[in-house]
Amino acid sequence: MLSPFNLLLITAVFSIVMLFVLGSLMRSGIPGIREWLVANALASLALLLFAARGVAPAFLSIEMANGLLAGAICLIYVGFRRFFDCTVPSVWLVAGLAAMMVFILVFHYHVDSIALRTVTVSVFHGAVCLAIAVTIVRHAERGQSRYPYRFTIGVAGFCAVGHWFRGMIYATGADVLSSNIQASTWNVLFLSIGTLVLPVFTMGAVMMVHDRMMAKAKEDANRDFLTGAWSRRAFFEFAEREVLRVARNGRALSLLLFDVDYFKRINDTWGHATGDRVLLEIVQRAEQEIRSMDYIARLGGEEFAVLLPEVDAPSALTVAERLRAALETRAGGETSKVNVSYTVSIGVATLQAPESIAELLHRADIALYDAKAAGRNRVMQATAMRTAAAAPQPSPMS
């Protein structure tokens, strides 16, 4: 049987290893990592002090060790709160920790009872584990994988129940432990619950950090670096998925294709920095006019697309006209952050089965050319009868 002393040393080494893992993640800047790192440092020291019971002074192996381990689990909880950008109930944590330490002192120097000390520690640790589980359940992110969150919730729930079960055993007066280094099945079981919780929690935290980093990397890859709109590649992924959905449910799907009128003139007159600010402002203002379920993407240069799921042709025309009016900007206007006049021309097309997204985009492109040929700063709706050969050529000043 694995002895409690060896278990404490192995867990301490495990916590030290997790320090290096967390240290490698510090550069990510993700909140919570610093707290988890400090928690493992405290846990490592606490476990070594527990292992020194009978050799080190009792105050170090009892009060100091329990205080450090309790502080570590509190910091694990604080780390999860920081990770999810939640406020930290500092007053409650400090009050709970202080109360636990008072009871440990009383049950050591006034009434020397390892059972009552164990009940006290178990109640506190179980409560913090439950608080961790509740925090993750309430704020778990909908990323690429739910496994890291479910794993950590499961660990927190199991540890909460395990701590309270241990406390219940001792509260009933069962004589199963006379020392924390006693080699018995009960002691190894309870000691495992109490000591392994920190490194296992850290494993869950590292998986959650990794999931967030992966989601951010994917988000960055799918976003236009200048405007923050979806990239061309991401747009076609969304569009193909929406086309398949239309094939299943028969609902409408519309597309707006627009670009900035005389954008080359803006760049030549005001400079490319101003042109970039115009593009950024257009996306920001367009996002205020469309729904959260719509997709706006920068297809290239000054050309943008807006995909409108479940929007039919008449409604798409209305949305396009509202968008055109919202994006029409005069120099010095209060709604604009750039002192440049600009307008947009918009082509509108609605999916017609069994049309592909490329064909839909082609018809919207023809409608956009029609809008430019008709004088710009206007909306034109595509028809099903137009062909590529009939499309007017855009002006070199577009």
Protein backbone atom coordinates (compact mmCIF):
# COMPACT_ATOMS: atom_id res chain seq x y z
CA MET A 1 0.00 0.00 0.00
CA LEU A 2 1.22 3.50 -0.83
CA SER A 3 2.20 5.15 2.43
CA PRO A 4 0.77 8.60 3.34
CA PHE A 5 4.30 9.97 3.56
CA ASN A 6 5.10 8.88 0.00
CA LEU A 7 1.72 10.17 -1.22
CA LEU A 8 2.44 13.59 0.25
CA LEU A 9 5.88 13.73 -1.36
CA ILE A 10 4.57 12.55 -4.75
CA THR A 11 1.76 15.12 -4.69
CA ALA A 12 4.22 17.85 -3.71
CA VAL A 13 6.38 16.94 -6.69
CA PHE A 14 3.26 16.93 -8.89
CA SER A 15 2.41 20.45 -7.71
CA ILE A 16 5.97 21.61 -8.41
CA VAL A 17 5.71 20.22 -11.95
CA MET A 18 2.48 22.13 -12.43
CA LEU A 19 4.37 25.30 -11.47
CA PHE A 20 6.53 24.89 -14.57
CA VAL A 21 3.47 24.16 -16.74
CA LEU A 22 1.69 27.28 -15.51
CA GLY A 23 4.87 29.31 -15.83
CA SER A 24 5.01 28.43 -19.53
CA LEU A 25 1.51 29.86 -19.95
CA MET A 26 2.16 33.20 -18.23
CA ARG A 27 2.95 34.94 -21.52
CA SER A 28 -0.57 34.26 -22.78
CA GLY A 29 -1.85 36.98 -20.43
CA ILE A 30 -4.95 34.94 -19.62
CA PRO A 31 -6.40 35.91 -16.22
CA GLY A 32 -6.18 33.34 -13.44
CA ILE A 33 -2.84 31.77 -14.32
CA ARG A 34 -0.91 33.85 -11.79
CA GLU A 35 -3.28 32.82 -8.98
CA TRP A 36 -3.05 29.14 -9.94
CA LEU A 37 0.73 29.36 -10.02
CA VAL A 38 0.92 30.85 -6.52
CA ALA A 39 -1.63 28.29 -5.31
CA ASN A 40 0.58 25.40 -6.42
CA ALA A 41 3.60 26.98 -4.77
CA LEU A 42 1.69 27.21 -1.49
CA ALA A 43 0.37 23.67 -1.89
CA SER A 44 3.86 22.29 -2.48
CA LEU A 45 5.12 23.88 0.75
CA ALA A 46 2.03 22.76 2.67
CA LEU A 47 2.41 19.15 1.56
CA LEU A 48 6.06 19.09 2.58
CA LEU A 49 5.10 20.43 6.02
CA PHE A 50 2.40 17.75 6.35
CA ALA A 51 4.98 15.13 5.47
CA ALA A 52 7.24 16.51 8.23
CA ARG A 53 4.66 15.76 10.95
CA GLY A 54 6.47 14.41 13.98
CA VAL A 55 9.78 15.93 12.86
CA ALA A 56 8.95 19.61 12.40
CA PRO A 57 7.33 21.63 15.22
CA ALA A 58 3.59 20.94 15.54
CA PHE A 59 2.70 24.54 14.70
CA LEU A 60 4.38 24.17 11.29
CA SER A 61 2.94 20.76 10.45
CA ILE A 62 -0.58 21.58 11.67
CA GLU A 63 -1.47 25.27 11.69
CA MET A 64 0.97 26.42 9.03
CA ALA A 65 0.39 23.43 6.74
CA ASN A 66 -3.40 23.65 6.95
CA GLY A 67 -3.33 27.41 6.50
CA LEU A 68 -1.15 27.19 3.40
CA LEU A 69 -3.27 24.41 1.85
CA ALA A 70 -6.49 26.31 2.57
CA GLY A 71 -4.97 29.45 1.09
CA ALA A 72 -4.00 27.43 -1.98
CA ILE A 73 -7.52 26.15 -2.61
CA CYS A 74 -8.81 29.71 -2.12
CA LEU A 75 -6.37 30.96 -4.76
CA ILE A 76 -7.49 28.18 -7.11
CA TYR A 77 -11.03 29.51 -6.69
CA VAL A 78 -9.89 33.11 -7.19
CA GLY A 79 -8.08 31.99 -10.35
CA PHE A 80 -11.28 30.57 -11.81
CA ARG A 81 -13.16 33.75 -10.92
CA ARG A 82 -10.45 35.82 -12.64
CA PHE A 83 -10.47 33.46 -15.63
CA PHE A 84 -14.19 34.11 -16.16
CA ASP A 85 -13.83 37.82 -15.39
CA CYS A 86 -16.03 37.58 -12.28
CA THR A 87 -15.76 39.56 -9.08
CA VAL A 88 -13.99 37.79 -6.23
CA PRO A 89 -15.88 37.52 -2.89
CA SER A 90 -12.76 38.48 -0.96
CA VAL A 91 -14.57 39.24 2.30
CA TRP A 92 -16.22 35.84 2.43
CA LEU A 93 -13.00 34.04 1.53
CA VAL A 94 -10.96 35.85 4.17
CA ALA A 95 -13.68 35.38 6.79
CA GLY A 96 -14.00 31.68 6.02
CA LEU A 97 -10.24 31.14 6.08
CA ALA A 98 -9.90 33.04 9.35
CA ALA A 99 -12.72 31.05 10.94
CA MET A 100 -11.14 27.77 9.84
CA MET A 101 -7.79 28.76 11.36
CA VAL A 102 -9.44 29.78 14.65
CA PHE A 103 -11.13 26.37 14.92
CA ILE A 104 -7.85 24.58 14.13
CA LEU A 105 -6.11 26.52 16.89
CA VAL A 106 -8.92 25.72 19.33
CA PHE A 107 -8.94 22.03 18.40
CA HIS A 108 -5.18 21.84 18.76
CA TYR A 109 -4.33 23.84 21.87
CA HIS A 110 -7.63 23.89 23.77
CA VAL A 111 -9.08 20.53 22.78
CA ASP A 112 -6.45 18.49 20.98
CA SER A 113 -8.62 16.56 18.53
CA ILE A 114 -7.44 15.51 15.07
CA ALA A 115 -11.01 14.45 14.29
CA LEU A 116 -12.45 17.92 14.93
CA ARG A 117 -9.63 19.55 13.01
CA THR A 118 -10.36 17.23 10.11
CA VAL A 119 -14.08 18.11 10.20
CA THR A 120 -13.21 21.81 10.17
CA VAL A 121 -10.82 21.50 7.24
CA SER A 122 -13.19 19.21 5.32
CA VAL A 123 -16.14 21.60 5.62
CA PHE A 124 -14.06 24.56 4.41
CA HIS A 125 -12.39 22.77 1.51
CA GLY A 126 -15.67 21.17 0.44
CA ALA A 127 -17.38 24.58 0.36
CA VAL A 128 -14.62 26.09 -1.78
CA CYS A 129 -14.70 23.12 -4.18
CA LEU A 130 -18.45 23.53 -4.54
CA ALA A 131 -17.99 27.25 -5.21
CA ILE A 132 -15.51 26.39 -7.97
CA ALA A 133 -17.98 23.98 -9.55
CA VAL A 134 -20.78 26.55 -9.44
CA THR A 135 -18.55 29.23 -10.97
CA ILE A 136 -17.60 27.03 -13.91
CA VAL A 137 -21.18 25.85 -14.49
CA ARG A 138 -22.45 29.42 -14.60
CA HIS A 139 -19.71 30.89 -16.75
CA ALA A 140 -18.35 28.04 -18.88
CA GLU A 141 -17.50 29.31 -22.33
CA ARG A 142 -19.01 27.83 -25.44
CA GLY A 143 -15.74 27.17 -27.18
CA GLN A 144 -14.57 24.39 -29.45
CA SER A 145 -14.62 21.80 -26.67
CA ARG A 146 -16.68 21.43 -23.52
CA TYR A 147 -14.48 18.66 -22.15
CA PRO A 148 -12.11 20.88 -20.10
CA TYR A 149 -15.05 22.51 -18.33
CA ARG A 150 -16.90 19.26 -17.71
CA PHE A 151 -13.71 17.64 -16.42
CA THR A 152 -13.04 20.47 -13.96
CA ILE A 153 -16.67 20.61 -12.85
CA GLY A 154 -16.54 16.85 -12.22
CA VAL A 155 -13.32 17.18 -10.23
CA ALA A 156 -14.77 20.03 -8.15
CA GLY A 157 -17.99 18.15 -7.46
CA PHE A 158 -16.19 14.93 -6.56
CA CYS A 159 -13.80 16.72 -4.22
CA ALA A 160 -16.62 18.64 -2.53
CA VAL A 161 -18.50 15.39 -1.86
CA GLY A 162 -15.26 13.66 -0.81
CA HIS A 163 -14.33 16.36 1.67
CA TRP A 164 -17.81 16.43 3.20
CA PHE A 165 -17.89 12.64 3.38
CA ARG A 166 -14.58 12.71 5.23
CA GLY A 167 -15.96 15.36 7.58
CA MET A 168 -19.12 13.30 8.17
CA ILE A 169 -17.06 10.22 9.04
CA TYR A 170 -15.12 12.13 11.68
CA ALA A 171 -18.16 14.04 12.90
CA THR A 172 -19.83 10.73 13.79
CA GLY A 173 -16.94 9.95 16.12
CA ALA A 174 -15.54 7.08 14.05
CA ASP A 175 -12.02 6.27 15.20
CA VAL A 176 -10.36 5.75 11.84
CA LEU A 177 -7.38 8.05 12.17
CA SER A 178 -4.94 8.95 14.89
CA SER A 179 -2.32 10.65 12.69
CA ASN A 180 -2.16 12.09 9.20
CA ILE A 181 0.75 9.77 8.38
CA GLN A 182 -0.97 6.64 9.69
CA ALA A 183 -0.75 3.90 7.03
CA SER A 184 -4.36 2.75 6.67
CA THR A 185 -6.83 2.43 3.81
CA TRP A 186 -9.04 5.19 5.21
CA ASN A 187 -6.12 7.53 5.72
CA VAL A 188 -4.72 7.02 2.22
CA LEU A 189 -8.17 7.50 0.71
CA PHE A 190 -8.92 10.69 2.63
CA LEU A 191 -5.41 12.00 2.21
CA SER A 192 -5.67 11.48 -1.55
CA ILE A 193 -8.85 13.55 -1.68
CA GLY A 194 -7.27 16.31 0.36
CA THR A 195 -3.91 16.52 -1.39
CA LEU A 196 -4.53 15.57 -5.02
CA VAL A 197 -7.27 18.16 -5.44
CA LEU A 198 -4.83 21.02 -6.11
CA PRO A 199 -2.79 19.48 -8.93
CA VAL A 200 -5.89 17.92 -10.51
CA PHE A 201 -7.67 21.27 -10.39
CA THR A 202 -4.61 22.75 -12.02
CA MET A 203 -4.82 20.18 -14.81
CA GLY A 204 -8.39 21.25 -15.46
CA ALA A 205 -7.36 24.90 -15.40
CA VAL A 206 -4.55 24.26 -17.89
CA MET A 207 -6.99 22.49 -20.23
CA MET A 208 -9.35 25.45 -20.00
CA VAL A 209 -6.51 27.87 -20.75
CA HIS A 210 -5.49 25.74 -23.73
CA ASP A 211 -9.09 25.72 -24.99
CA ARG A 212 -9.28 29.50 -24.77
CA MET A 213 -5.95 29.90 -26.53
CA MET A 214 -7.08 27.59 -29.34
CA ALA A 215 -10.37 29.46 -29.68
CA LYS A 216 -8.52 32.79 -29.81
CA ALA A 217 -6.09 31.47 -32.42
CA LYS A 218 -8.99 30.30 -34.57
CA GLU A 219 -10.80 33.59 -34.07
CA ASP A 220 -7.69 35.53 -35.09
CA ALA A 221 -7.26 33.34 -38.17
CA ASN A 222 -10.88 33.93 -39.18
CA ARG A 223 -10.85 37.69 -38.64
CA ASP A 224 -9.59 40.45 -40.90
CA PHE A 225 -6.65 42.00 -39.07
CA LEU A 226 -7.60 45.60 -39.97
CA THR A 227 -11.36 45.82 -39.54
CA GLY A 228 -12.19 42.88 -37.29
CA ALA A 229 -14.75 41.62 -39.81
CA TRP A 230 -14.78 37.95 -40.73
CA SER A 231 -12.17 36.91 -43.28
CA ARG A 232 -12.96 35.72 -46.79
CA ARG A 233 -12.22 32.11 -45.81
CA ALA A 234 -14.46 32.28 -42.75
CA PHE A 235 -17.23 33.89 -44.83
CA PHE A 236 -17.31 30.99 -47.27
CA GLU A 237 -17.38 28.49 -44.39
CA PHE A 238 -20.37 30.28 -42.85
CA ALA A 239 -22.06 30.65 -46.23
CA GLU A 240 -21.69 26.97 -47.16
CA ARG A 241 -23.14 25.99 -43.80
CA GLU A 242 -26.09 28.35 -44.29
CA VAL A 243 -26.74 27.01 -47.80
CA LEU A 244 -26.94 23.48 -46.40
CA ARG A 245 -29.34 24.72 -43.73
CA VAL A 246 -31.54 26.30 -46.40
CA ALA A 247 -31.59 22.97 -48.24
CA ARG A 248 -32.84 21.28 -45.07
CA ASN A 249 -35.43 23.75 -43.84
CA GLY A 250 -36.32 25.69 -46.99
CA ARG A 251 -35.87 29.08 -45.35
CA ALA A 252 -34.52 32.15 -47.10
CA LEU A 253 -30.92 33.31 -47.33
CA SER A 254 -29.84 36.68 -48.71
CA LEU A 255 -26.53 38.34 -49.42
CA LEU A 256 -25.46 41.98 -49.52
CA LEU A 257 -22.27 42.82 -51.40
CA PHE A 258 -20.98 46.38 -51.07
CA ASP A 259 -17.87 48.46 -51.44
CA VAL A 260 -16.81 52.05 -50.88
CA ASP A 261 -17.45 54.43 -53.78
CA TYR A 262 -14.31 56.09 -55.17
CA PHE A 263 -12.17 54.47 -52.51
CA LYS A 264 -9.04 54.88 -54.62
CA ARG A 265 -9.67 58.62 -54.61
CA ILE A 266 -9.84 58.58 -50.79
CA ASN A 267 -6.49 56.78 -50.59
CA ASP A 268 -4.86 59.07 -53.15
CA THR A 269 -6.17 62.26 -51.54
CA TRP A 270 -6.06 61.50 -47.83
CA GLY A 271 -3.56 58.67 -47.63
CA HIS A 272 -3.83 54.96 -46.90
CA ALA A 273 -4.01 55.49 -43.14
CA THR A 274 -7.22 57.47 -43.59
CA GLY A 275 -8.49 54.83 -46.01
CA ASP A 276 -7.86 52.17 -43.37
CA ARG A 277 -9.79 54.19 -40.78
CA VAL A 278 -12.68 54.49 -43.23
CA LEU A 279 -12.80 50.71 -43.65
CA LEU A 280 -12.66 50.16 -39.90
CA GLU A 281 -15.43 52.67 -39.31
CA ILE A 282 -17.61 51.09 -41.98
CA VAL A 283 -17.43 47.71 -40.28
CA GLN A 284 -18.13 49.17 -36.87
CA ARG A 285 -21.15 51.08 -38.12
CA ALA A 286 -22.41 48.19 -40.20
CA GLU A 287 -22.33 45.88 -37.19
CA GLN A 288 -24.71 48.27 -35.42
CA GLU A 289 -27.22 47.93 -38.27
CA ILE A 290 -27.29 44.15 -38.68
CA ARG A 291 -28.36 41.35 -36.36
CA SER A 292 -26.02 39.32 -34.18
CA MET A 293 -26.82 36.25 -36.29
CA ASP A 294 -25.71 37.98 -39.52
CA TYR A 295 -22.16 37.74 -40.85
CA ILE A 296 -20.16 40.67 -42.17
CA ALA A 297 -16.89 39.82 -43.91
CA ARG A 298 -14.19 41.68 -45.75
CA LEU A 299 -13.72 39.88 -49.06
CA GLY A 300 -10.79 41.99 -50.15
CA GLY A 301 -9.76 45.63 -50.49
CA GLU A 302 -12.82 47.82 -49.90
CA GLU A 303 -15.32 45.07 -50.72
CA PHE A 304 -17.53 43.61 -47.98
CA ALA A 305 -20.28 41.00 -47.81
CA VAL A 306 -23.14 40.64 -45.35
CA LEU A 307 -24.83 37.24 -45.13
CA LEU A 308 -28.43 37.42 -43.93
CA PRO A 309 -29.83 34.05 -42.78
CA GLU A 310 -33.64 33.70 -42.88
CA VAL A 311 -34.10 37.00 -44.76
CA ASP A 312 -36.14 37.00 -47.99
CA ALA A 313 -35.69 39.29 -50.99
CA PRO A 314 -37.98 42.20 -49.94
CA SER A 315 -36.55 42.24 -46.42
CA ALA A 316 -32.98 42.06 -47.74
CA LEU A 317 -33.66 45.11 -49.93
CA THR A 318 -34.94 46.99 -46.87
CA VAL A 319 -31.87 46.02 -44.83
CA ALA A 320 -29.56 47.07 -47.67
CA GLU A 321 -31.18 50.48 -48.01
CA ARG A 322 -30.99 51.05 -44.26
CA LEU A 323 -27.33 50.03 -44.31
CA ARG A 324 -26.56 52.31 -47.26
CA ALA A 325 -28.13 55.28 -45.50
CA ALA A 326 -26.29 54.49 -42.25
CA LEU A 327 -22.94 54.33 -44.02
CA GLU A 328 -23.37 57.53 -46.03
CA THR A 329 -20.95 59.94 -44.38
CA ARG A 330 -20.22 63.60 -44.95
CA ALA A 331 -16.95 65.26 -43.95
CA GLY A 332 -17.19 66.67 -40.45
CA GLY A 333 -20.30 64.65 -39.62
CA GLU A 334 -20.88 63.98 -35.94
CA THR A 335 -21.37 60.24 -36.52
CA SER A 336 -18.00 59.81 -38.19
CA LYS A 337 -14.55 59.58 -36.66
CA VAL A 338 -12.84 60.47 -39.95
CA ASN A 339 -13.13 63.85 -41.67
CA VAL A 340 -13.82 62.27 -45.07
CA SER A 341 -17.00 61.98 -47.14
CA TYR A 342 -17.81 58.50 -48.40
CA THR A 343 -20.71 56.40 -49.63
CA VAL A 344 -21.25 52.76 -50.52
CA SER A 345 -22.98 50.91 -53.33
CA ILE A 346 -24.76 47.66 -52.53
CA GLY A 347 -25.80 44.64 -54.56
CA VAL A 348 -28.50 42.38 -53.12
CA ALA A 349 -29.20 38.75 -54.02
CA THR A 350 -31.40 36.05 -52.49
CA LEU A 351 -30.56 32.38 -52.79
CA GLN A 352 -32.54 30.46 -55.38
CA ALA A 353 -32.32 26.66 -55.11
CA PRO A 354 -30.29 24.82 -56.25
CA GLU A 355 -27.97 27.81 -56.45
CA SER A 356 -24.50 27.55 -54.89
CA ILE A 357 -22.92 30.24 -52.76
CA ALA A 358 -20.53 31.05 -55.61
CA GLU A 359 -23.49 31.65 -57.93
CA LEU A 360 -25.25 33.73 -55.29
CA LEU A 361 -22.13 35.84 -54.83
CA HIS A 362 -21.82 36.22 -58.60
CA ARG A 363 -25.37 37.59 -58.91
CA ALA A 364 -24.79 39.99 -56.00
CA ASP A 365 -21.58 41.11 -57.70
CA ILE A 366 -23.49 41.88 -60.91
CA ALA A 367 -26.05 43.87 -58.92
CA LEU A 368 -23.21 45.82 -57.27
CA TYR A 369 -21.80 46.71 -60.70
CA ASP A 370 -25.28 47.83 -61.72
CA ALA A 371 -25.46 50.11 -58.67
CA LYS A 372 -22.15 51.70 -59.61
CA ALA A 373 -23.17 52.11 -63.25
CA ALA A 374 -26.40 53.79 -62.13
CA GLY A 375 -24.53 56.49 -60.23
CA ARG A 376 -23.27 54.87 -57.00
CA ASN A 377 -24.55 55.40 -53.46
CA ARG A 378 -27.52 53.20 -54.17
CA VAL A 379 -28.88 49.67 -53.80
CA MET A 380 -29.61 47.32 -56.70
CA GLN A 381 -31.29 43.94 -56.44
CA ALA A 382 -30.04 41.03 -58.53
CA THR A 383 -32.27 39.16 -60.93
CA ALA A 384 -32.05 35.50 -61.81
CA MET A 385 -31.73 36.23 -65.53
CA ARG A 386 -28.44 38.13 -65.53
CA THR A 387 -25.25 36.48 -66.80
CA ALA A 388 -21.60 37.23 -66.32
CA ALA A 389 -21.32 38.58 -69.85
CA ALA A 390 -23.97 41.18 -69.16
CA ALA A 391 -22.21 42.65 -66.16
CA PRO A 392 -20.99 46.21 -66.68
CA GLN A 393 -17.34 46.80 -65.91
CA PRO A 394 -16.56 48.86 -62.80
CA SER A 395 -14.96 52.28 -63.17
CA PRO A 396 -11.25 52.41 -62.40
CA MET A 397 -12.18 55.10 -59.85
CA SER A 398 -14.48 52.75 -57.89
